[in-house]
Amino acid sequence: MAGFIDLVSDDRAARRLARAINGRGAFHRFENELNEEYPHLARACLMAERARALARWVLRPGRPVTATAPWWRSPCWTPSLTSST
């Protein structure tokens, strides 16, 4: 989440998202803030999280060449995002 926040060019949005990830319940607050206040950033967050997860999977030592990538749940994931194209 912090890596995504560093990429956000809107200073106000970046500050609010950074505040949301402090303390207990950070994932929930981040997701709520993102989806309620900055829905235009939600898809970008989802794609950034998936790209990082895929990179970790690809670079994992001992990964079989024929293995398929696992499905992962991002803190930015919402059902509405998966149905839109």
PDB file of N, CA and C in Angstrom:
ATOM      1  N   MET A   1       0.828  -1.184   0.000  1.00  0.00           N
ATOM      2  CA  MET A   1       0.000   0.000   0.000  1.00  0.00           C
ATOM      3  C   MET A   1       0.873   1.247   0.000  1.00  0.00           C
ATOM      4  N   ALA A   2       1.936   1.230   0.804  1.00  0.00           N
ATOM      5  CA  ALA A   2       2.819   2.399   0.861  1.00  0.00           C
ATOM      6  C   ALA A   2       3.492   2.624  -0.491  1.00  0.00           C
ATOM      7  N   GLY A   3       3.845   1.547  -1.180  1.00  0.00           N
ATOM      8  CA  GLY A   3       4.450   1.672  -2.500  1.00  0.00           C
ATOM      9  C   GLY A   3       3.507   2.328  -3.487  1.00  0.00           C
ATOM     10  N   PHE A   4       2.230   1.994  -3.410  1.00  0.00           N
ATOM     11  CA  PHE A   4       1.242   2.615  -4.285  1.00  0.00           C
ATOM     12  C   PHE A   4       1.079   4.086  -3.941  1.00  0.00           C
ATOM     13  N   ILE A   5       1.016   4.397  -2.657  1.00  0.00           N
ATOM     14  CA  ILE A   5       0.841   5.788  -2.221  1.00  0.00           C
ATOM     15  C   ILE A   5       1.967   6.662  -2.759  1.00  0.00           C
ATOM     16  N   ASP A   6       3.189   6.115  -2.806  1.00  0.00           N
ATOM     17  CA  ASP A   6       4.320   6.874  -3.341  1.00  0.00           C
ATOM     18  C   ASP A   6       4.127   7.232  -4.814  1.00  0.00           C
ATOM     19  N   LEU A   7       3.323   6.466  -5.532  1.00  0.00           N
ATOM     20  CA  LEU A   7       3.089   6.708  -6.954  1.00  0.00           C
ATOM     21  C   LEU A   7       1.947   7.681  -7.224  1.00  0.00           C
ATOM     22  N   VAL A   8       1.147   7.993  -6.217  1.00  0.00           N
ATOM     23  CA  VAL A   8      -0.017   8.877  -6.394  1.00  0.00           C
ATOM     24  C   VAL A   8       0.456  10.319  -6.541  1.00  0.00           C
ATOM     25  N   SER A   9       0.086  10.953  -7.655  1.00  0.00           N
ATOM     26  CA  SER A   9       0.538  12.328  -7.919  1.00  0.00           C
ATOM     27  C   SER A   9      -0.303  13.392  -7.201  1.00  0.00           C
ATOM     28  N   ASP A  10      -1.524  13.064  -6.832  1.00  0.00           N
ATOM     29  CA  ASP A  10      -2.404  13.997  -6.115  1.00  0.00           C
ATOM     30  C   ASP A  10      -1.956  14.038  -4.651  1.00  0.00           C
ATOM     31  N   ASP A  11      -1.380  15.176  -4.235  1.00  0.00           N
ATOM     32  CA  ASP A  11      -0.825  15.291  -2.879  1.00  0.00           C
ATOM     33  C   ASP A  11      -1.874  15.055  -1.793  1.00  0.00           C
ATOM     34  N   ARG A  12      -3.065  15.596  -1.977  1.00  0.00           N
ATOM     35  CA  ARG A  12      -4.131  15.430  -0.981  1.00  0.00           C
ATOM     36  C   ARG A  12      -4.510  13.960  -0.846  1.00  0.00           C
ATOM     37  N   ALA A  13      -4.688  13.289  -1.972  1.00  0.00           N
ATOM     38  CA  ALA A  13      -5.038  11.869  -1.954  1.00  0.00           C
ATOM     39  C   ALA A  13      -3.922  11.058  -1.300  1.00  0.00           C
ATOM     40  N   ALA A  14      -2.684  11.362  -1.643  1.00  0.00           N
ATOM     41  CA  ALA A  14      -1.544  10.634  -1.070  1.00  0.00           C
ATOM     42  C   ALA A  14      -1.491  10.809   0.450  1.00  0.00           C
ATOM     43  N   ARG A  15      -1.721  12.035   0.938  1.00  0.00           N
ATOM     44  CA  ARG A  15      -1.707  12.281   2.388  1.00  0.00           C
ATOM     45  C   ARG A  15      -2.823  11.512   3.091  1.00  0.00           C
ATOM     46  N   ARG A  16      -4.024  11.542   2.514  1.00  0.00           N
ATOM     47  CA  ARG A  16      -5.155  10.847   3.146  1.00  0.00           C
ATOM     48  C   ARG A  16      -4.954   9.340   3.138  1.00  0.00           C
ATOM     49  N   LEU A  17      -4.442   8.794   2.050  1.00  0.00           N
ATOM     50  CA  LEU A  17      -4.190   7.358   1.984  1.00  0.00           C
ATOM     51  C   LEU A  17      -3.066   6.961   2.943  1.00  0.00           C
ATOM     52  N   ALA A  18      -2.049   7.813   3.058  1.00  0.00           N
ATOM     53  CA  ALA A  18      -0.945   7.528   3.987  1.00  0.00           C
ATOM     54  C   ALA A  18      -1.460   7.522   5.432  1.00  0.00           C
ATOM     55  N   ARG A  19      -2.350   8.439   5.763  1.00  0.00           N
ATOM     56  CA  ARG A  19      -2.935   8.451   7.118  1.00  0.00           C
ATOM     57  C   ARG A  19      -3.759   7.188   7.362  1.00  0.00           C
ATOM     58  N   ALA A  20      -4.418   6.710   6.327  1.00  0.00           N
ATOM     59  CA  ALA A  20      -5.294   5.535   6.469  1.00  0.00           C
ATOM     60  C   ALA A  20      -4.520   4.263   6.806  1.00  0.00           C
ATOM     61  N   ILE A  21      -3.245   4.182   6.437  1.00  0.00           N
ATOM     62  CA  ILE A  21      -2.502   2.930   6.667  1.00  0.00           C
ATOM     63  C   ILE A  21      -1.778   2.883   8.005  1.00  0.00           C
ATOM     64  N   ASN A  22      -2.009   3.850   8.854  1.00  0.00           N
ATOM     65  CA  ASN A  22      -1.376   3.852  10.180  1.00  0.00           C
ATOM     66  C   ASN A  22      -2.245   3.149  11.211  1.00  0.00           C
ATOM     67  N   GLY A  23      -1.645   2.282  12.011  1.00  0.00           N
ATOM     68  CA  GLY A  23      -2.343   1.638  13.122  1.00  0.00           C
ATOM     69  C   GLY A  23      -3.153   0.418  12.734  1.00  0.00           C
ATOM     70  N   ARG A  24      -3.921  -0.071  13.714  1.00  0.00           N
ATOM     71  CA  ARG A  24      -4.775  -1.250  13.497  1.00  0.00           C
ATOM     72  C   ARG A  24      -5.876  -0.938  12.500  1.00  0.00           C
ATOM     73  N   GLY A  25      -6.218  -1.934  11.702  1.00  0.00           N
ATOM     74  CA  GLY A  25      -7.284  -1.766  10.720  1.00  0.00           C
ATOM     75  C   GLY A  25      -6.842  -1.023   9.472  1.00  0.00           C
ATOM     76  N   ALA A  26      -5.544  -0.992   9.227  1.00  0.00           N
ATOM     77  CA  ALA A  26      -5.002  -0.219   8.110  1.00  0.00           C
ATOM     78  C   ALA A  26      -5.550  -0.676   6.758  1.00  0.00           C
ATOM     79  N   PHE A  27      -5.625  -1.983   6.530  1.00  0.00           N
ATOM     80  CA  PHE A  27      -6.107  -2.478   5.241  1.00  0.00           C
ATOM     81  C   PHE A  27      -7.546  -2.042   5.003  1.00  0.00           C
ATOM     82  N   HIS A  28      -8.373  -2.167   6.018  1.00  0.00           N
ATOM     83  CA  HIS A  28      -9.779  -1.794   5.899  1.00  0.00           C
ATOM     84  C   HIS A  28      -9.925  -0.290   5.643  1.00  0.00           C
ATOM     85  N   ARG A  29      -9.209   0.519   6.419  1.00  0.00           N
ATOM     86  CA  ARG A  29      -9.290   1.980   6.241  1.00  0.00           C
ATOM     87  C   ARG A  29      -8.771   2.393   4.865  1.00  0.00           C
ATOM     88  N   PHE A  30      -7.651   1.784   4.438  1.00  0.00           N
ATOM     89  CA  PHE A  30      -7.086   2.112   3.127  1.00  0.00           C
ATOM     90  C   PHE A  30      -8.084   1.786   2.028  1.00  0.00           C
ATOM     91  N   GLU A  31      -8.663   0.599   2.085  1.00  0.00           N
ATOM     92  CA  GLU A  31      -9.624   0.182   1.073  1.00  0.00           C
ATOM     93  C   GLU A  31     -10.847   1.099   1.059  1.00  0.00           C
ATOM     94  N   ASN A  32     -11.364   1.427   2.235  1.00  0.00           N
ATOM     95  CA  ASN A  32     -12.518   2.329   2.314  1.00  0.00           C
ATOM     96  C   ASN A  32     -12.195   3.707   1.756  1.00  0.00           C
ATOM     97  N   GLU A  33     -11.065   4.256   2.174  1.00  0.00           N
ATOM     98  CA  GLU A  33     -10.665   5.589   1.700  1.00  0.00           C
ATOM     99  C   GLU A  33     -10.503   5.579   0.180  1.00  0.00           C
ATOM    100  N   LEU A  34      -9.852   4.570  -0.325  1.00  0.00           N
ATOM    101  CA  LEU A  34      -9.611   4.469  -1.762  1.00  0.00           C
ATOM    102  C   LEU A  34     -10.915   4.346  -2.539  1.00  0.00           C
ATOM    103  N   ASN A  35     -11.774   3.430  -2.132  1.00  0.00           N
ATOM    104  CA  ASN A  35     -13.010   3.186  -2.878  1.00  0.00           C
ATOM    105  C   ASN A  35     -14.060   4.275  -2.706  1.00  0.00           C
ATOM    106  N   GLU A  36     -14.103   4.904  -1.545  1.00  0.00           N
ATOM    107  CA  GLU A  36     -15.118   5.939  -1.305  1.00  0.00           C
ATOM    108  C   GLU A  36     -14.688   7.322  -1.782  1.00  0.00           C
ATOM    109  N   GLU A  37     -13.436   7.683  -1.526  1.00  0.00           N
ATOM    110  CA  GLU A  37     -12.973   9.037  -1.837  1.00  0.00           C
ATOM    111  C   GLU A  37     -12.226   9.143  -3.168  1.00  0.00           C
ATOM    112  N   TYR A  38     -11.557   8.062  -3.582  1.00  0.00           N
ATOM    113  CA  TYR A  38     -10.729   8.103  -4.790  1.00  0.00           C
ATOM    114  C   TYR A  38     -10.968   6.880  -5.660  1.00  0.00           C
ATOM    115  N   PRO A  39     -12.210   6.665  -6.109  1.00  0.00           N
ATOM    116  CA  PRO A  39     -12.496   5.469  -6.899  1.00  0.00           C
ATOM    117  C   PRO A  39     -11.708   5.417  -8.207  1.00  0.00           C
ATOM    118  N   HIS A  40     -11.310   6.570  -8.729  1.00  0.00           N
ATOM    119  CA  HIS A  40     -10.513   6.593  -9.959  1.00  0.00           C
ATOM    120  C   HIS A  40      -9.121   6.005  -9.743  1.00  0.00           C
ATOM    121  N   LEU A  41      -8.658   5.929  -8.497  1.00  0.00           N
ATOM    122  CA  LEU A  41      -7.358   5.338  -8.197  1.00  0.00           C
ATOM    123  C   LEU A  41      -7.450   3.854  -7.840  1.00  0.00           C
ATOM    124  N   ALA A  42      -8.653   3.364  -7.592  1.00  0.00           N
ATOM    125  CA  ALA A  42      -8.821   1.978  -7.134  1.00  0.00           C
ATOM    126  C   ALA A  42      -8.312   0.973  -8.163  1.00  0.00           C
ATOM    127  N   ARG A  43      -8.627   1.177  -9.418  1.00  0.00           N
ATOM    128  CA  ARG A  43      -8.174   0.253 -10.469  1.00  0.00           C
ATOM    129  C   ARG A  43      -6.652   0.277 -10.600  1.00  0.00           C
ATOM    130  N   ALA A  44      -6.065   1.458 -10.523  1.00  0.00           N
ATOM    131  CA  ALA A  44      -4.605   1.575 -10.595  1.00  0.00           C
ATOM    132  C   ALA A  44      -3.948   0.852  -9.423  1.00  0.00           C
ATOM    133  N   CYS A  45      -4.548   0.960  -8.241  1.00  0.00           N
ATOM    134  CA  CYS A  45      -4.022   0.275  -7.064  1.00  0.00           C
ATOM    135  C   CYS A  45      -4.092  -1.234  -7.254  1.00  0.00           C
ATOM    136  N   LEU A  46      -5.203  -1.711  -7.754  1.00  0.00           N
ATOM    137  CA  LEU A  46      -5.368  -3.139  -8.005  1.00  0.00           C
ATOM    138  C   LEU A  46      -4.305  -3.638  -8.980  1.00  0.00           C
ATOM    139  N   MET A  47      -4.089  -2.920 -10.053  1.00  0.00           N
ATOM    140  CA  MET A  47      -3.102  -3.336 -11.053  1.00  0.00           C
ATOM    141  C   MET A  47      -1.685  -3.298 -10.477  1.00  0.00           C
ATOM    142  N   ALA A  48      -1.374  -2.291  -9.665  1.00  0.00           N
ATOM    143  CA  ALA A  48      -0.049  -2.202  -9.050  1.00  0.00           C
ATOM    144  C   ALA A  48       0.182  -3.371  -8.090  1.00  0.00           C
ATOM    145  N   GLU A  49      -0.826  -3.715  -7.292  1.00  0.00           N
ATOM    146  CA  GLU A  49      -0.705  -4.842  -6.363  1.00  0.00           C
ATOM    147  C   GLU A  49      -0.528  -6.154  -7.119  1.00  0.00           C
ATOM    148  N   ARG A  50      -1.269  -6.341  -8.181  1.00  0.00           N
ATOM    149  CA  ARG A  50      -1.156  -7.569  -8.976  1.00  0.00           C
ATOM    150  C   ARG A  50       0.212  -7.657  -9.646  1.00  0.00           C
ATOM    151  N   ALA A  51       0.708  -6.544 -10.144  1.00  0.00           N
ATOM    152  CA  ALA A  51       2.028  -6.542 -10.786  1.00  0.00           C
ATOM    153  C   ALA A  51       3.119  -6.915  -9.780  1.00  0.00           C
ATOM    154  N   ARG A  52       3.036  -6.377  -8.560  1.00  0.00           N
ATOM    155  CA  ARG A  52       4.032  -6.723  -7.528  1.00  0.00           C
ATOM    156  C   ARG A  52       3.934  -8.191  -7.152  1.00  0.00           C
ATOM    157  N   ALA A  53       2.717  -8.702  -7.010  1.00  0.00           N
ATOM    158  CA  ALA A  53       2.531 -10.112  -6.654  1.00  0.00           C
ATOM    159  C   ALA A  53       3.047 -11.022  -7.766  1.00  0.00           C
ATOM    160  N   LEU A  54       2.783 -10.660  -8.992  1.00  0.00           N
ATOM    161  CA  LEU A  54       3.262 -11.463 -10.118  1.00  0.00           C
ATOM    162  C   LEU A  54       4.788 -11.440 -10.184  1.00  0.00           C
ATOM    163  N   ALA A  55       5.386 -10.286  -9.960  1.00  0.00           N
ATOM    164  CA  ALA A  55       6.848 -10.190  -9.957  1.00  0.00           C
ATOM    165  C   ALA A  55       7.446 -11.060  -8.856  1.00  0.00           C
ATOM    166  N   ARG A  56       6.842 -11.046  -7.661  1.00  0.00           N
ATOM    167  CA  ARG A  56       7.335 -11.911  -6.571  1.00  0.00           C
ATOM    168  C   ARG A  56       7.222 -13.374  -6.962  1.00  0.00           C
ATOM    169  N   TRP A  57       6.120 -13.735  -7.610  1.00  0.00           N
ATOM    170  CA  TRP A  57       5.900 -15.119  -8.010  1.00  0.00           C
ATOM    171  C   TRP A  57       6.898 -15.547  -9.084  1.00  0.00           C
ATOM    172  N   VAL A  58       7.099 -14.700 -10.085  1.00  0.00           N
ATOM    173  CA  VAL A  58       8.015 -15.022 -11.178  1.00  0.00           C
ATOM    174  C   VAL A  58       9.449 -15.148 -10.674  1.00  0.00           C
ATOM    175  N   LEU A  59       9.839 -14.290  -9.756  1.00  0.00           N
ATOM    176  CA  LEU A  59      11.217 -14.279  -9.271  1.00  0.00           C
ATOM    177  C   LEU A  59      11.463 -15.252  -8.121  1.00  0.00           C
ATOM    178  N   ARG A  60      10.440 -15.998  -7.714  1.00  0.00           N
ATOM    179  CA  ARG A  60      10.566 -16.942  -6.599  1.00  0.00           C
ATOM    180  C   ARG A  60      11.555 -18.058  -6.972  1.00  0.00           C
ATOM    181  N   PRO A  61      12.520 -18.336  -6.104  1.00  0.00           N
ATOM    182  CA  PRO A  61      13.471 -19.410  -6.387  1.00  0.00           C
ATOM    183  C   PRO A  61      12.767 -20.768  -6.457  1.00  0.00           C
ATOM    184  N   GLY A  62      13.169 -21.590  -7.398  1.00  0.00           N
ATOM    185  CA  GLY A  62      12.633 -22.933  -7.508  1.00  0.00           C
ATOM    186  C   GLY A  62      11.263 -23.022  -8.139  1.00  0.00           C
ATOM    187  N   ARG A  63      10.785 -21.946  -8.733  1.00  0.00           N
ATOM    188  CA  ARG A  63       9.470 -21.959  -9.360  1.00  0.00           C
ATOM    189  C   ARG A  63       9.498 -22.837 -10.601  1.00  0.00           C
ATOM    190  N   PRO A  64       8.602 -23.824 -10.705  1.00  0.00           N
ATOM    191  CA  PRO A  64       8.548 -24.653 -11.912  1.00  0.00           C
ATOM    192  C   PRO A  64       8.170 -23.808 -13.130  1.00  0.00           C
ATOM    193  N   VAL A  65       8.765 -24.080 -14.253  1.00  0.00           N
ATOM    194  CA  VAL A  65       8.531 -23.303 -15.465  1.00  0.00           C
ATOM    195  C   VAL A  65       7.079 -23.395 -15.916  1.00  0.00           C
ATOM    196  N   THR A  66       6.421 -24.518 -15.693  1.00  0.00           N
ATOM    197  CA  THR A  66       5.039 -24.701 -16.165  1.00  0.00           C
ATOM    198  C   THR A  66       3.981 -24.289 -15.148  1.00  0.00           C
ATOM    199  N   ALA A  67       4.392 -23.780 -14.004  1.00  0.00           N
ATOM    200  CA  ALA A  67       3.427 -23.398 -12.965  1.00  0.00           C
ATOM    201  C   ALA A  67       2.580 -22.225 -13.438  1.00  0.00           C
ATOM    202  N   THR A  68       1.352 -22.142 -12.935  1.00  0.00           N
ATOM    203  CA  THR A  68       0.486 -21.005 -13.247  1.00  0.00           C
ATOM    204  C   THR A  68       0.428 -20.075 -12.051  1.00  0.00           C
ATOM    205  N   ALA A  69       0.240 -18.810 -12.341  1.00  0.00           N
ATOM    206  CA  ALA A  69       0.227 -17.801 -11.278  1.00  0.00           C
ATOM    207  C   ALA A  69      -0.973 -18.000 -10.362  1.00  0.00           C
ATOM    208  N   PRO A  70      -0.790 -17.835  -9.065  1.00  0.00           N
ATOM    209  CA  PRO A  70      -1.902 -17.957  -8.120  1.00  0.00           C
ATOM    210  C   PRO A  70      -2.790 -16.712  -8.155  1.00  0.00           C
ATOM    211  N   TRP A  71      -4.033 -16.894  -7.763  1.00  0.00           N
ATOM    212  CA  TRP A  71      -4.919 -15.744  -7.602  1.00  0.00           C
ATOM    213  C   TRP A  71      -4.599 -15.117  -6.255  1.00  0.00           C
ATOM    214  N   TRP A  72      -4.557 -13.858  -6.167  1.00  0.00           N
ATOM    215  CA  TRP A  72      -4.283 -13.186  -4.903  1.00  0.00           C
ATOM    216  C   TRP A  72      -5.331 -12.127  -4.658  1.00  0.00           C
ATOM    217  N   ARG A  73      -5.509 -11.820  -3.413  1.00  0.00           N
ATOM    218  CA  ARG A  73      -6.441 -10.761  -3.043  1.00  0.00           C
ATOM    219  C   ARG A  73      -5.633  -9.545  -2.624  1.00  0.00           C
ATOM    220  N   SER A  74      -5.855  -8.477  -3.300  1.00  0.00           N
ATOM    221  CA  SER A  74      -5.183  -7.225  -3.023  1.00  0.00           C
ATOM    222  C   SER A  74      -5.995  -6.439  -2.002  1.00  0.00           C
ATOM    223  N   PRO A  75      -5.330  -5.584  -1.191  1.00  0.00           N
ATOM    224  CA  PRO A  75      -6.092  -4.718  -0.295  1.00  0.00           C
ATOM    225  C   PRO A  75      -6.958  -3.726  -1.077  1.00  0.00           C
ATOM    226  N   CYS A  76      -6.714  -3.598  -2.362  1.00  0.00           N
ATOM    227  CA  CYS A  76      -7.480  -2.673  -3.198  1.00  0.00           C
ATOM    228  C   CYS A  76      -8.631  -3.366  -3.911  1.00  0.00           C
ATOM    229  N   TRP A  77      -8.779  -4.660  -3.743  1.00  0.00           N
ATOM    230  CA  TRP A  77      -9.743  -5.443  -4.504  1.00  0.00           C
ATOM    231  C   TRP A  77     -11.160  -5.160  -4.050  1.00  0.00           C
ATOM    232  N   THR A  78     -12.049  -5.007  -5.031  1.00  0.00           N
ATOM    233  CA  THR A  78     -13.481  -4.946  -4.757  1.00  0.00           C
ATOM    234  C   THR A  78     -14.185  -5.729  -5.855  1.00  0.00           C
ATOM    235  N   PRO A  79     -15.303  -6.381  -5.572  1.00  0.00           N
ATOM    236  CA  PRO A  79     -16.003  -7.142  -6.599  1.00  0.00           C
ATOM    237  C   PRO A  79     -16.370  -6.305  -7.825  1.00  0.00           C
ATOM    238  N   SER A  80     -16.689  -5.041  -7.652  1.00  0.00           N
ATOM    239  CA  SER A  80     -17.089  -4.209  -8.781  1.00  0.00           C
ATOM    240  C   SER A  80     -15.947  -4.004  -9.765  1.00  0.00           C
ATOM    241  N   LEU A  81     -14.712  -4.040  -9.303  1.00  0.00           N
ATOM    242  CA  LEU A  81     -13.588  -3.843 -10.197  1.00  0.00           C
ATOM    243  C   LEU A  81     -13.345  -5.051 -11.090  1.00  0.00           C
ATOM    244  N   THR A  82     -13.652  -6.231 -10.602  1.00  0.00           N
ATOM    245  CA  THR A  82     -13.380  -7.423 -11.387  1.00  0.00           C
ATOM    246  C   THR A  82     -14.361  -7.585 -12.530  1.00  0.00           C
ATOM    247  N   SER A  83     -15.527  -6.986 -12.441  1.00  0.00           N
ATOM    248  CA  SER A  83     -16.520  -7.141 -13.494  1.00  0.00           C
ATOM    249  C   SER A  83     -16.426  -6.073 -14.562  1.00  0.00           C
ATOM    250  N   SER A  84     -15.688  -4.993 -14.305  1.00  0.00           N
ATOM    251  CA  SER A  84     -15.579  -3.936 -15.306  1.00  0.00           C
ATOM    252  C   SER A  84     -14.404  -4.191 -16.234  1.00  0.00           C
ATOM    253  N   THR A  85     -14.523  -3.716 -17.465  1.00  0.00           N
ATOM    254  CA  THR A  85     -13.424  -3.861 -18.431  1.00  0.00           C
ATOM    255  C   THR A  85     -13.048  -2.541 -19.034  1.00  0.00           C
TER     256      THR A  85
END
